[in-house]
C-alpha atoms as a PDB file:
ATOM      1  CA  UNK A   1       9.414  11.467  19.624  1.00  0.00           C
ATOM      2  CA  UNK A   2      13.116  11.532  20.421  1.00  0.00           C
ATOM      3  CA  UNK A   3      14.747   8.297  19.282  1.00  0.00           C
ATOM      4  CA  UNK A   4      16.317   7.502  15.928  1.00  0.00           C
ATOM      5  CA  UNK A   5      15.601   3.818  16.493  1.00  0.00           C
ATOM      6  CA  UNK A   6      11.897   4.629  16.617  1.00  0.00           C
ATOM      7  CA  UNK A   7      12.133   6.376  13.272  1.00  0.00           C
ATOM      8  CA  UNK A   8      13.945   3.412  11.801  1.00  0.00           C
ATOM      9  CA  UNK A   9      11.240   1.043  13.017  1.00  0.00           C
ATOM     10  CA  UNK A  10       8.554   3.326  11.609  1.00  0.00           C
ATOM     11  CA  UNK A  11      10.320   3.320   8.254  1.00  0.00           C
ATOM     12  CA  UNK A  12      10.317  -0.470   8.234  1.00  0.00           C
ATOM     13  CA  UNK A  13       6.663  -0.542   9.226  1.00  0.00           C
ATOM     14  CA  UNK A  14       5.716   1.964   6.541  1.00  0.00           C
ATOM     15  CA  UNK A  15       7.793   0.139   3.932  1.00  0.00           C
ATOM     16  CA  UNK A  16       6.142  -3.173   4.763  1.00  0.00           C
ATOM     17  CA  UNK A  17       2.733  -1.534   4.808  1.00  0.00           C
ATOM     18  CA  UNK A  18       3.325   0.056   1.414  1.00  0.00           C
ATOM     19  CA  UNK A  19       4.446  -3.246  -0.084  1.00  0.00           C
ATOM     20  CA  UNK A  20       1.390  -4.936   1.395  1.00  0.00           C
ATOM     21  CA  UNK A  21      -0.983  -2.133   0.440  1.00  0.00           C
ATOM     22  CA  UNK A  22       0.213  -2.295  -3.156  1.00  0.00           C
ATOM     23  CA  UNK A  23      -1.293  -5.787  -3.323  1.00  0.00           C
ATOM     24  CA  UNK A  24      -4.232  -5.388  -0.947  1.00  0.00           C
ATOM     25  CA  UNK A  25      -5.485  -2.407   1.043  1.00  0.00           C
ATOM     26  CA  UNK A  26      -3.839   0.761  -0.204  1.00  0.00           C
ATOM     27  CA  UNK A  27      -6.085   3.018   1.846  1.00  0.00           C
ATOM     28  CA  UNK A  28      -5.122   1.115   4.999  1.00  0.00           C
ATOM     29  CA  UNK A  29      -1.456   1.910   4.494  1.00  0.00           C
ATOM     30  CA  UNK A  30      -2.231   5.511   3.579  1.00  0.00           C
ATOM     31  CA  UNK A  31      -4.174   5.913   6.804  1.00  0.00           C
ATOM     32  CA  UNK A  32      -1.314   4.499   8.876  1.00  0.00           C
ATOM     33  CA  UNK A  33       1.239   6.604   7.030  1.00  0.00           C
ATOM     34  CA  UNK A  34      -0.798   9.768   7.572  1.00  0.00           C
ATOM     35  CA  UNK A  35      -1.135   8.995  11.274  1.00  0.00           C
ATOM     36  CA  UNK A  36       2.608   8.390  11.575  1.00  0.00           C
ATOM     37  CA  UNK A  37       3.502  11.545   9.672  1.00  0.00           C
ATOM     38  CA  UNK A  38       1.069  13.622  11.719  1.00  0.00           C
END
């Protein structure tokens, strides 16, 4: 909770998850996104 690099990695993870969720498990990505944005 103090590094920009971490945020960048999270963005990549979320982006990949969203792309994947769009074709498979949308709820899975939503769950991860919610946990990250907590």
